[in-house]
Amino acid sequence: MSHNRRLGAAGEERAAQWYRDRGCRVLDQNWRCRAGELDLVLSDGRVVVFCEVKTRSTDRFGSALEAVTPAKQQRIRRLAAQWLSAHPHRGPIRFDVVAVTPQGIQVVTNAF
């Protein structure tokens, strides 16, 4: 596994643990379909949370949060719709972004 993949997997696990520590349940991690991948799908009470995790060892190429562009947001929305069609849910949904850096974790709820 490449350095970037290990870094990303470690960041996703840190983010998942952050949510677990706050009472959320991980429904899916690295859910894949033809169109792409969702990093984390969580249950926060009745809310299904689709979480994009960005891990950076440095901000040399921009911040982790800046990496979730409008095009990336649209792709995540499409993937969420596919996940929901495979896992029926009638309650509210939310899109979060988590930035994992050496300094810590920054969670943006309702990011888009």
C-alpha atoms as a PDB file:
ATOM      1  CA  MET A   1       0.000   0.000   0.000  1.00  0.00           C
ATOM      2  CA  SER A   2       1.373   3.406  -0.952  1.00  0.00           C
ATOM      3  CA  HIS A   3       2.180   6.098   1.599  1.00  0.00           C
ATOM      4  CA  ASN A   4      -0.797   8.206   0.457  1.00  0.00           C
ATOM      5  CA  ARG A   5      -3.178   5.270   0.766  1.00  0.00           C
ATOM      6  CA  ARG A   6      -1.929   4.447   4.267  1.00  0.00           C
ATOM      7  CA  LEU A   7      -2.240   8.111   5.230  1.00  0.00           C
ATOM      8  CA  GLY A   8      -5.789   8.272   3.852  1.00  0.00           C
ATOM      9  CA  ALA A   9      -6.858   5.035   5.559  1.00  0.00           C
ATOM     10  CA  ALA A  10      -5.444   6.232   8.887  1.00  0.00           C
ATOM     11  CA  GLY A  11      -7.270   9.550   8.505  1.00  0.00           C
ATOM     12  CA  GLU A  12     -10.568   7.815   7.730  1.00  0.00           C
ATOM     13  CA  GLU A  13     -10.164   5.629  10.790  1.00  0.00           C
ATOM     14  CA  ARG A  14      -9.447   8.682  12.981  1.00  0.00           C
ATOM     15  CA  ALA A  15     -12.552  10.380  11.598  1.00  0.00           C
ATOM     16  CA  ALA A  16     -14.680   7.259  12.151  1.00  0.00           C
ATOM     17  CA  GLN A  17     -13.460   7.065  15.752  1.00  0.00           C
ATOM     18  CA  TRP A  18     -14.255  10.756  16.267  1.00  0.00           C
ATOM     19  CA  TYR A  19     -17.856  10.071  15.247  1.00  0.00           C
ATOM     20  CA  ARG A  20     -18.063   6.872  17.342  1.00  0.00           C
ATOM     21  CA  ASP A  21     -16.841   8.804  20.381  1.00  0.00           C
ATOM     22  CA  ARG A  22     -19.848  11.083  19.902  1.00  0.00           C
ATOM     23  CA  GLY A  23     -22.386   8.267  19.708  1.00  0.00           C
ATOM     24  CA  CYS A  24     -22.606   7.835  15.948  1.00  0.00           C
ATOM     25  CA  ARG A  25     -22.638   4.446  14.273  1.00  0.00           C
ATOM     26  CA  VAL A  26     -20.589   3.668  11.167  1.00  0.00           C
ATOM     27  CA  LEU A  27     -22.927   2.208   8.543  1.00  0.00           C
ATOM     28  CA  ASP A  28     -20.347   1.951   5.761  1.00  0.00           C
ATOM     29  CA  GLN A  29     -16.702   2.772   5.304  1.00  0.00           C
ATOM     30  CA  ASN A  30     -15.185   3.055   1.823  1.00  0.00           C
ATOM     31  CA  TRP A  31     -18.495   2.161   0.158  1.00  0.00           C
ATOM     32  CA  ARG A  32     -17.845   1.699  -3.557  1.00  0.00           C
ATOM     33  CA  CYS A  33     -19.905   1.566  -6.682  1.00  0.00           C
ATOM     34  CA  ARG A  34     -19.146   2.198 -10.348  1.00  0.00           C
ATOM     35  CA  ALA A  35     -19.411   5.957  -9.916  1.00  0.00           C
ATOM     36  CA  GLY A  36     -16.921   6.207  -7.056  1.00  0.00           C
ATOM     37  CA  GLU A  37     -16.523   5.847  -3.323  1.00  0.00           C
ATOM     38  CA  LEU A  38     -18.008   7.300  -0.150  1.00  0.00           C
ATOM     39  CA  ASP A  39     -15.470   7.545   2.664  1.00  0.00           C
ATOM     40  CA  LEU A  40     -17.877   7.228   5.594  1.00  0.00           C
ATOM     41  CA  VAL A  41     -21.610   6.750   5.942  1.00  0.00           C
ATOM     42  CA  LEU A  42     -22.792   7.168   9.510  1.00  0.00           C
ATOM     43  CA  SER A  43     -25.937   7.192  11.576  1.00  0.00           C
ATOM     44  CA  ASP A  44     -26.268  10.176  13.905  1.00  0.00           C
ATOM     45  CA  GLY A  45     -29.568   9.338  15.541  1.00  0.00           C
ATOM     46  CA  ARG A  46     -32.107   9.404  12.699  1.00  0.00           C
ATOM     47  CA  VAL A  47     -29.763  11.367  10.431  1.00  0.00           C
ATOM     48  CA  VAL A  48     -27.665   9.564   7.838  1.00  0.00           C
ATOM     49  CA  VAL A  49     -24.352  11.383   7.461  1.00  0.00           C
ATOM     50  CA  PHE A  50     -22.258  11.182   4.296  1.00  0.00           C
ATOM     51  CA  CYS A  51     -18.757  12.190   5.281  1.00  0.00           C
ATOM     52  CA  GLU A  52     -15.864  13.084   3.001  1.00  0.00           C
ATOM     53  CA  VAL A  53     -12.517  12.705   4.767  1.00  0.00           C
ATOM     54  CA  LYS A  54      -9.460  14.577   3.558  1.00  0.00           C
ATOM     55  CA  THR A  55      -6.138  13.747   5.186  1.00  0.00           C
ATOM     56  CA  ARG A  56      -3.076  15.894   4.718  1.00  0.00           C
ATOM     57  CA  SER A  57       0.408  15.645   6.184  1.00  0.00           C
ATOM     58  CA  THR A  58       1.068  19.226   5.085  1.00  0.00           C
ATOM     59  CA  ASP A  59      -0.897  22.145   3.634  1.00  0.00           C
ATOM     60  CA  ARG A  60       1.739  22.730   0.978  1.00  0.00           C
ATOM     61  CA  PHE A  61      -0.801  21.977  -1.763  1.00  0.00           C
ATOM     62  CA  GLY A  62      -3.754  23.697  -0.072  1.00  0.00           C
ATOM     63  CA  SER A  63      -5.899  22.863   2.897  1.00  0.00           C
ATOM     64  CA  ALA A  64      -7.777  19.612   3.184  1.00  0.00           C
ATOM     65  CA  LEU A  65     -11.108  21.438   3.263  1.00  0.00           C
ATOM     66  CA  GLU A  66     -10.328  23.316   0.040  1.00  0.00           C
ATOM     67  CA  ALA A  67      -9.982  19.955  -1.712  1.00  0.00           C
ATOM     68  CA  VAL A  68     -13.758  19.416  -1.507  1.00  0.00           C
ATOM     69  CA  THR A  69     -14.618  21.488  -4.550  1.00  0.00           C
ATOM     70  CA  PRO A  70     -18.138  22.082  -5.897  1.00  0.00           C
ATOM     71  CA  ALA A  71     -17.527  19.313  -8.462  1.00  0.00           C
ATOM     72  CA  LYS A  72     -16.498  16.915  -5.674  1.00  0.00           C
ATOM     73  CA  GLN A  73     -19.587  17.916  -3.681  1.00  0.00           C
ATOM     74  CA  GLN A  74     -21.810  17.107  -6.657  1.00  0.00           C
ATOM     75  CA  ARG A  75     -20.149  13.716  -7.057  1.00  0.00           C
ATOM     76  CA  ILE A  76     -20.679  12.952  -3.357  1.00  0.00           C
ATOM     77  CA  ARG A  77     -24.363  13.898  -3.693  1.00  0.00           C
ATOM     78  CA  ARG A  78     -24.747  11.481  -6.622  1.00  0.00           C
ATOM     79  CA  LEU A  79     -22.997   8.721  -4.690  1.00  0.00           C
ATOM     80  CA  ALA A  80     -25.202   9.400  -1.664  1.00  0.00           C
ATOM     81  CA  ALA A  81     -28.291   9.007  -3.853  1.00  0.00           C
ATOM     82  CA  GLN A  82     -26.976   5.639  -5.036  1.00  0.00           C
ATOM     83  CA  TRP A  83     -26.240   4.550  -1.460  1.00  0.00           C
ATOM     84  CA  LEU A  84     -29.744   5.585  -0.414  1.00  0.00           C
ATOM     85  CA  SER A  85     -31.310   3.616  -3.269  1.00  0.00           C
ATOM     86  CA  ALA A  86     -29.482   0.520  -2.015  1.00  0.00           C
ATOM     87  CA  HIS A  87     -30.215   1.265   1.668  1.00  0.00           C
ATOM     88  CA  PRO A  88     -33.715   2.772   1.959  1.00  0.00           C
ATOM     89  CA  HIS A  89     -33.886   5.615   4.469  1.00  0.00           C
ATOM     90  CA  ARG A  90     -36.708   8.076   4.966  1.00  0.00           C
ATOM     91  CA  GLY A  91     -35.147  10.417   7.495  1.00  0.00           C
ATOM     92  CA  PRO A  92     -32.920  13.448   7.087  1.00  0.00           C
ATOM     93  CA  ILE A  93     -29.439  13.313   5.595  1.00  0.00           C
ATOM     94  CA  ARG A  94     -26.380  15.496   6.046  1.00  0.00           C
ATOM     95  CA  PHE A  95     -23.049  16.030   4.313  1.00  0.00           C
ATOM     96  CA  ASP A  96     -19.976  16.540   6.494  1.00  0.00           C
ATOM     97  CA  VAL A  97     -16.338  17.127   5.628  1.00  0.00           C
ATOM     98  CA  VAL A  98     -13.523  16.105   7.947  1.00  0.00           C
ATOM     99  CA  ALA A  99      -9.986  17.419   7.605  1.00  0.00           C
ATOM    100  CA  VAL A 100      -7.346  15.285   9.298  1.00  0.00           C
ATOM    101  CA  THR A 101      -3.935  16.911   9.712  1.00  0.00           C
ATOM    102  CA  PRO A 102      -0.989  16.445  12.056  1.00  0.00           C
ATOM    103  CA  GLN A 103      -2.519  19.253  14.149  1.00  0.00           C
ATOM    104  CA  GLY A 104      -5.789  17.354  14.674  1.00  0.00           C
ATOM    105  CA  ILE A 105      -9.246  16.848  13.251  1.00  0.00           C
ATOM    106  CA  GLN A 106     -11.537  19.587  11.966  1.00  0.00           C
ATOM    107  CA  VAL A 107     -15.142  18.543  11.368  1.00  0.00           C
ATOM    108  CA  VAL A 108     -17.507  20.676   9.316  1.00  0.00           C
ATOM    109  CA  THR A 109     -21.077  19.475   9.777  1.00  0.00           C
ATOM    110  CA  ASN A 110     -23.638  20.377   7.115  1.00  0.00           C
ATOM    111  CA  ALA A 111     -20.696  21.372   4.935  1.00  0.00           C
ATOM    112  CA  PHE A 112     -22.791  21.493   1.769  1.00  0.00           C
END
